[in-house]
Protein backbone atom coordinates (compact mmCIF):
# COMPACT_ATOMS: atom_id res chain seq x y z
CA MET A 1 0.00 0.00 0.00
CA ILE A 2 2.78 2.45 0.89
CA ASP A 3 4.19 2.26 -2.63
CA ARG A 4 0.73 2.88 -4.10
CA LEU A 5 0.32 5.98 -1.97
CA LYS A 6 3.75 7.33 -2.85
CA ASN A 7 3.08 6.80 -6.54
CA PHE A 8 -0.25 8.55 -6.20
CA LEU A 9 1.34 11.64 -4.63
CA LEU A 10 4.13 11.73 -7.19
CA GLU A 11 2.18 10.90 -10.34
CA ARG A 12 -1.53 11.71 -9.95
CA ALA A 13 -2.12 14.21 -7.16
CA GLY A 14 -0.95 17.10 -9.34
CA SER A 15 -3.66 16.44 -11.92
CA CYS A 16 -6.52 16.48 -9.39
CA ARG A 17 -8.84 19.49 -9.38
CA VAL A 18 -10.76 20.18 -6.19
CA LEU A 19 -13.20 22.93 -5.26
CA VAL A 20 -13.64 23.93 -1.61
CA VAL A 21 -16.89 25.62 -0.58
CA GLY A 22 -17.42 26.90 2.93
CA ASP A 23 -16.56 29.17 5.80
CA VAL A 24 -13.33 30.94 4.92
CA MET A 25 -11.30 32.24 7.87
CA LEU A 26 -8.07 33.95 8.77
CA ASP A 27 -6.12 32.65 11.78
CA LYS A 28 -3.79 35.20 13.37
CA TYR A 29 -1.22 34.13 15.95
CA PHE A 30 0.78 36.20 18.40
CA PHE A 31 3.61 34.12 19.88
CA GLY A 32 5.46 35.27 22.97
CA GLU A 33 6.63 34.56 26.49
CA VAL A 34 5.00 35.18 29.84
CA THR A 35 7.20 36.31 32.71
CA ARG A 36 4.89 38.35 34.95
CA ILE A 37 1.32 39.24 35.88
CA SER A 38 -0.19 42.56 34.92
CA PRO A 39 -0.46 45.16 37.72
CA GLU A 40 -3.71 46.32 36.09
CA ALA A 41 -5.59 43.01 36.45
CA PRO A 42 -4.78 39.41 37.44
CA VAL A 43 -3.84 38.40 33.90
CA PRO A 44 -0.51 37.28 32.41
CA ILE A 45 1.46 39.72 30.30
CA THR A 46 2.59 38.15 27.03
CA HIS A 47 5.68 39.70 25.50
CA VAL A 48 5.03 39.18 21.78
CA LEU A 49 8.08 37.88 19.89
CA LYS A 50 6.53 37.05 16.51
CA THR A 51 3.24 37.05 14.66
CA LYS A 52 1.88 34.78 11.96
CA ASP A 53 -1.16 34.80 9.67
CA GLN A 54 -2.54 31.43 8.59
CA LEU A 55 -5.37 30.33 6.34
CA GLY A 56 -8.18 28.88 8.45
CA GLY A 57 -11.45 27.00 8.07
CA ALA A 58 -12.31 26.26 4.45
CA ALA A 59 -9.23 28.24 3.43
CA ASN A 60 -7.05 25.82 5.40
CA VAL A 61 -8.66 22.90 3.56
CA ALA A 62 -7.71 24.61 0.30
CA HIS A 63 -4.21 25.28 1.64
CA ASN A 64 -3.67 21.58 2.33
CA LEU A 65 -4.83 20.67 -1.16
CA ALA A 66 -2.56 23.25 -2.78
CA LEU A 67 0.50 22.09 -0.84
CA LEU A 68 -0.22 18.54 -1.96
CA GLY A 69 -0.11 19.68 -5.58
CA ALA A 70 -3.82 19.80 -6.42
CA ASP A 71 -5.36 22.42 -8.69
CA THR A 72 -7.41 24.16 -5.99
CA SER A 73 -10.20 26.74 -6.05
CA ILE A 74 -12.40 28.14 -3.30
CA VAL A 75 -15.87 29.67 -2.99
CA GLY A 76 -17.17 31.44 0.11
CA PHE A 77 -17.72 34.82 1.75
CA ILE A 78 -15.22 37.40 2.95
CA GLY A 79 -15.61 40.96 4.16
CA ASP A 80 -14.48 44.16 2.52
CA ASP A 81 -11.83 44.71 5.18
CA HIS A 82 -8.14 44.42 6.02
CA TYR A 83 -8.46 40.81 7.15
CA GLY A 84 -10.08 39.93 3.83
CA GLU A 85 -7.17 41.49 1.96
CA THR A 86 -4.68 39.55 4.07
CA LEU A 87 -6.56 36.32 3.42
CA THR A 88 -6.71 36.77 -0.37
CA GLU A 89 -3.01 37.66 -0.47
CA LYS A 90 -2.19 34.38 1.28
CA LEU A 91 -4.46 32.42 -1.07
CA LEU A 92 -2.72 34.04 -4.04
CA SER A 93 0.71 33.17 -2.64
CA ARG A 94 -0.33 29.50 -2.53
CA GLY A 95 -1.66 29.47 -6.07
CA ILE A 96 -5.28 28.97 -4.95
CA ASP A 97 -8.00 30.32 -7.25
CA TYR A 98 -9.92 32.69 -4.95
CA PHE A 99 -11.62 34.82 -7.59
CA ASP A 100 -15.05 33.36 -6.80
CA LEU A 101 -14.96 34.53 -3.19
CA ILE A 102 -17.86 36.91 -2.57
CA ARG A 103 -17.43 40.10 -0.59
CA THR A 104 -20.36 40.73 1.74
CA ALA A 105 -21.33 43.33 4.32
CA HIS A 106 -20.14 40.98 7.08
CA PRO A 107 -16.57 41.06 8.42
CA THR A 108 -14.05 38.45 7.35
CA THR A 109 -14.18 35.70 9.96
CA THR A 110 -10.93 36.03 11.90
CA LYS A 111 -9.60 34.23 14.97
CA ILE A 112 -6.77 35.81 16.92
CA ARG A 113 -4.83 33.59 19.31
CA VAL A 114 -2.18 34.67 21.83
CA ILE A 115 0.30 31.89 22.62
CA GLY A 116 2.63 32.06 25.63
CA GLY A 117 5.24 29.35 25.14
CA HIS A 118 3.08 26.42 23.95
CA GLN A 119 0.03 27.54 25.94
CA GLN A 120 -2.85 29.42 24.32
CA MET A 121 -3.63 32.39 26.57
CA ILE A 122 -6.69 33.82 24.86
CA ARG A 123 -8.64 33.70 21.59
CA LEU A 124 -10.48 36.64 20.06
CA ASP A 125 -13.11 35.96 17.38
CA PHE A 126 -14.23 38.53 14.83
CA GLU A 127 -17.26 37.20 12.98
CA ASP A 128 -20.92 37.57 12.10
CA ALA A 129 -22.57 34.19 11.49
CA SER A 130 -26.00 35.62 10.73
CA PRO A 131 -27.33 35.13 7.17
CA VAL A 132 -25.96 37.38 4.43
CA GLU A 133 -28.15 38.86 1.73
CA PRO A 134 -30.15 36.37 -0.40
CA ALA A 135 -28.37 37.64 -3.52
CA ASP A 136 -25.04 36.60 -1.97
CA TYR A 137 -26.27 33.02 -1.52
CA ASP A 138 -27.57 32.99 -5.10
CA GLN A 139 -24.15 34.11 -6.28
CA LEU A 140 -22.43 31.46 -4.14
CA VAL A 141 -24.46 28.65 -5.75
CA ALA A 142 -23.95 30.14 -9.22
CA ASN A 143 -20.18 30.30 -8.69
CA VAL A 144 -20.11 26.65 -7.64
CA LYS A 145 -22.18 25.64 -10.65
CA ASP A 146 -19.76 27.41 -12.99
CA LYS A 147 -16.85 25.40 -11.53
CA LEU A 148 -18.32 21.91 -11.67
CA ASP A 149 -17.19 21.10 -15.20
CA GLU A 150 -13.61 21.85 -14.13
CA VAL A 151 -13.27 19.78 -10.94
CA ASN A 152 -13.03 16.14 -9.81
CA ALA A 153 -14.34 16.71 -6.28
CA VAL A 154 -16.09 19.30 -4.13
CA ILE A 155 -15.54 19.72 -0.39
CA ILE A 156 -18.18 21.48 1.69
CA SER A 157 -16.37 22.80 4.76
CA ASP A 158 -19.05 23.78 7.28
CA TYR A 159 -17.83 25.74 10.29
CA GLY A 160 -21.26 27.12 11.14
CA LYS A 161 -20.36 30.67 10.14
CA GLY A 162 -23.19 31.23 7.67
CA VAL A 163 -22.12 29.82 4.30
CA CYS A 164 -23.48 26.28 4.60
CA THR A 165 -27.19 26.87 5.03
CA GLU A 166 -29.70 24.09 4.44
CA ASP A 167 -30.64 25.63 1.10
CA SER A 168 -27.08 26.19 -0.17
CA CYS A 169 -25.91 22.71 0.88
CA ARG A 170 -28.86 20.97 -0.72
CA LYS A 171 -28.44 22.87 -3.99
CA ILE A 172 -24.68 22.26 -4.17
CA ILE A 173 -24.97 18.54 -3.37
CA LYS A 174 -27.75 18.11 -5.93
CA MET A 175 -25.66 19.83 -8.62
CA CYS A 176 -22.61 17.70 -7.82
CA ARG A 177 -24.57 14.47 -7.96
CA LYS A 178 -26.17 15.47 -11.25
CA ARG A 179 -22.75 16.16 -12.78
CA GLY A 180 -21.15 13.06 -11.28
CA VAL A 181 -18.73 15.10 -9.15
CA THR A 182 -17.73 13.55 -5.82
CA VAL A 183 -18.92 15.74 -2.93
CA LEU A 184 -17.69 15.45 0.65
CA VAL A 185 -18.84 17.32 3.76
CA ASP A 186 -17.01 18.26 6.95
CA PRO A 187 -20.06 18.83 9.19
CA LYS A 188 -20.77 21.23 12.04
CA CYS A 189 -24.57 21.24 12.02
CA ARG A 190 -26.27 18.58 14.16
CA ASP A 191 -29.07 18.22 11.62
CA TRP A 192 -27.48 16.29 8.78
CA SER A 193 -30.55 16.50 6.57
CA ARG A 194 -28.84 19.40 4.79
CA TYR A 195 -26.00 17.03 3.84
CA SER A 196 -28.32 14.36 2.41
CA GLY A 197 -27.04 12.87 -0.83
CA ALA A 198 -23.37 13.68 -0.28
CA ASN A 199 -20.90 10.95 -1.18
CA PHE A 200 -19.10 11.12 2.18
CA VAL A 201 -19.49 12.99 5.46
CA THR A 202 -16.38 13.19 7.66
CA PRO A 203 -17.32 14.01 11.28
CA ASN A 204 -15.11 13.68 14.31
CA PHE A 205 -16.50 11.45 17.05
CA LYS A 206 -17.94 14.36 19.06
CA GLU A 207 -19.81 15.65 16.00
CA TYR A 208 -21.03 12.15 15.17
CA ARG A 209 -22.35 11.53 18.69
CA GLU A 210 -24.08 14.93 18.81
CA MET A 211 -25.81 14.21 15.50
CA LEU A 212 -27.02 10.83 16.77
CA ASP A 213 -28.06 12.35 20.10
CA LEU A 214 -27.22 9.03 21.74
CA PRO A 215 -24.75 8.23 24.56
CA ILE A 216 -22.51 6.07 22.36
CA LYS A 217 -18.90 5.37 23.30
CA ASN A 218 -15.81 5.83 21.15
CA VAL A 219 -15.47 2.10 20.50
CA ASN A 220 -15.61 0.13 17.27
CA ALA A 221 -18.90 -1.63 18.04
CA ASP A 222 -20.84 1.58 18.73
CA ILE A 223 -19.63 3.16 15.50
CA GLU A 224 -20.40 0.04 13.47
CA ASN A 225 -23.86 -0.47 14.96
CA SER A 226 -25.00 3.06 14.13
CA ALA A 227 -23.22 3.83 10.86
CA ARG A 228 -25.35 1.80 8.45
CA ASN A 229 -28.54 3.48 9.62
CA VAL A 230 -26.94 6.91 9.25
CA ILE A 231 -25.75 6.16 5.71
CA GLU A 232 -29.20 4.95 4.72
CA LYS A 233 -31.05 7.79 6.45
CA PHE A 234 -29.05 10.51 4.71
CA SER A 235 -28.50 8.70 1.38
CA LEU A 236 -24.70 8.74 1.70
CA ASP A 237 -22.13 6.55 0.01
CA GLY A 238 -20.10 6.34 3.19
CA LEU A 239 -18.84 7.81 6.46
CA LEU A 240 -15.36 8.65 7.66
CA VAL A 241 -15.39 9.13 11.44
CA THR A 242 -12.21 10.48 13.03
CA ARG A 243 -11.75 9.25 16.58
CA SER A 244 -8.76 11.05 18.15
CA GLU A 245 -6.35 8.56 19.72
CA HIS A 246 -8.49 5.69 18.39
CA GLY A 247 -7.70 6.59 14.77
CA LEU A 248 -10.58 6.57 12.31
CA THR A 249 -13.35 4.39 10.98
CA LEU A 250 -14.36 4.23 7.32
CA ILE A 251 -17.69 2.73 6.32
CA ALA A 252 -18.11 2.40 2.55
CA ASP A 253 -19.05 -0.15 -0.10
CA ASP A 254 -20.37 -2.66 2.48
CA ARG A 255 -16.98 -2.59 4.16
CA ILE A 256 -15.90 -1.29 7.55
CA ASP A 257 -12.26 -0.44 8.23
CA HIS A 258 -10.71 0.79 11.46
CA VAL A 259 -7.40 2.61 11.00
CA LYS A 260 -5.35 2.94 14.16
CA ALA A 261 -3.71 6.22 15.12
CA LYS A 262 0.04 6.22 15.59
CA ALA A 263 1.02 6.78 19.23
CA GLN A 264 2.56 10.25 19.46
CA GLU A 265 2.56 13.46 21.45
CA VAL A 266 -0.30 15.76 20.47
CA PHE A 267 0.38 19.50 20.67
CA ASP A 268 -2.64 20.98 18.87
CA VAL A 269 -5.60 19.43 17.04
CA SER A 270 -6.42 22.70 15.24
CA GLY A 271 -6.87 22.01 11.55
CA ALA A 272 -6.56 18.22 11.77
CA GLY A 273 -10.08 17.80 10.41
CA ASP A 274 -9.26 20.15 7.54
CA THR A 275 -6.25 18.04 6.62
CA MET A 276 -8.23 14.82 6.95
CA ILE A 277 -10.97 15.82 4.50
CA ALA A 278 -8.51 17.50 2.12
CA VAL A 279 -6.33 14.41 1.76
CA PHE A 280 -9.29 12.02 1.67
CA ALA A 281 -10.98 14.08 -1.06
CA LEU A 282 -7.73 14.35 -2.99
CA GLY A 283 -7.38 10.57 -2.92
CA LEU A 284 -10.92 10.04 -4.18
CA ALA A 285 -10.42 12.69 -6.88
CA GLY A 286 -7.32 10.79 -7.98
CA ARG A 287 -9.16 7.44 -8.09
CA LEU A 288 -7.64 5.91 -4.97
CA GLU A 289 -9.75 3.30 -3.25
CA PRO A 290 -11.57 4.87 -0.25
CA PHE A 291 -9.59 2.81 2.28
CA ASP A 292 -6.26 3.89 0.74
CA ALA A 293 -7.41 7.51 0.72
CA ALA A 294 -8.48 7.26 4.37
CA TYR A 295 -5.17 5.65 5.36
CA LEU A 296 -3.25 8.47 3.69
CA ALA A 297 -5.48 11.08 5.36
CA ASN A 298 -4.83 9.51 8.76
CA ILE A 299 -1.08 9.77 8.26
CA ALA A 300 -1.37 13.41 7.19
CA ALA A 301 -3.52 14.31 10.21
CA GLY A 302 -0.91 12.72 12.45
CA ILE A 303 1.63 15.21 11.14
CA VAL A 304 -0.69 18.13 11.86
CA VAL A 305 -1.48 17.33 15.51
CA ALA A 306 2.24 17.34 16.31
CA LYS A 307 2.43 21.03 15.29
CA VAL A 308 1.37 24.16 17.17
CA GLY A 309 -1.37 26.22 15.51
CA THR A 310 -3.18 25.78 12.21
CA TYR A 311 -0.94 23.78 9.90
CA ALA A 312 -1.14 22.44 6.34
CA VAL A 313 0.82 19.38 5.23
CA SER A 314 3.01 19.50 2.14
CA ARG A 315 3.48 16.69 -0.36
CA GLU A 316 7.15 16.45 0.63
CA GLU A 317 6.31 15.96 4.32
CA LEU A 318 3.76 13.30 3.51
CA LEU A 319 6.18 11.49 1.20
CA ASP A 320 8.84 11.58 3.92
CA ARG A 321 6.41 10.07 6.43
CA LEU A 322 5.45 7.34 3.97
CA GLU A 323 9.13 6.62 3.40
CA ASP A 324 9.57 6.17 7.15
CA LEU A 325 6.73 3.65 7.13
CA SER A 326 7.99 1.64 4.16
């Protein structure tokens, strides 16, 4: 299998074309050190040593795809503000087609994190998750429709920030199915009826349990016993459930596979789900078998959780990890 995955990354990943639709974000980091408490209030003073801007949310999904060599485009909403300009500049620097992003009256969703050493001190969120104008949603769906003849797969990255409404999801999934384009969803909404008809949904265990609204445990049997009903209920082709230290479970084509996680120190799970769905979708777009694509995605996510902050995996890093495993 390892040789198949290496050959895929070297020979086919670069010809895959993937569209990401969803909640685009900017992640800003202030890294520093804490040596004293403020005399003004009982809070630590962080002496900032460096700052970093990272693509977040759906933009981080696109970032992963671009670093893996895929022809990547993105559709979503941004604001007419400084954070929006920073975000589009970073997309441009990664070769991601961002020209179908729609500027709305809402601010660009931005998360600011202050890190003291390896400890996050505070997070500040700038966002407005209320609905945008109806014309903006119409334009979003139209932009996706215009891209479908150009892509092998579509990822709906739902962070609950206003892009992935029931109406927009249903329309996008219906268009993808009609055109024969693989569509995958990273869910945040507990009501999965809006994702009905997608090829794959890729929840983490917490999201999966909340959708079921049942006290299931993170064990193989509980996942297996519930998954078939979920697939049938929402007319899916399959499920990919990520399970933290328990790895992941893939249910597809009347087959259930449990992929174990590699034992390692976890620094930050931020963005691991973005990497998981990006690599899994890339594999399906490049005609990998679902299990092979899931195995590759699990390896990539393992690289991400060992990093601090939002992180995207490059093709070179993934090839190096595969080489270590061969």
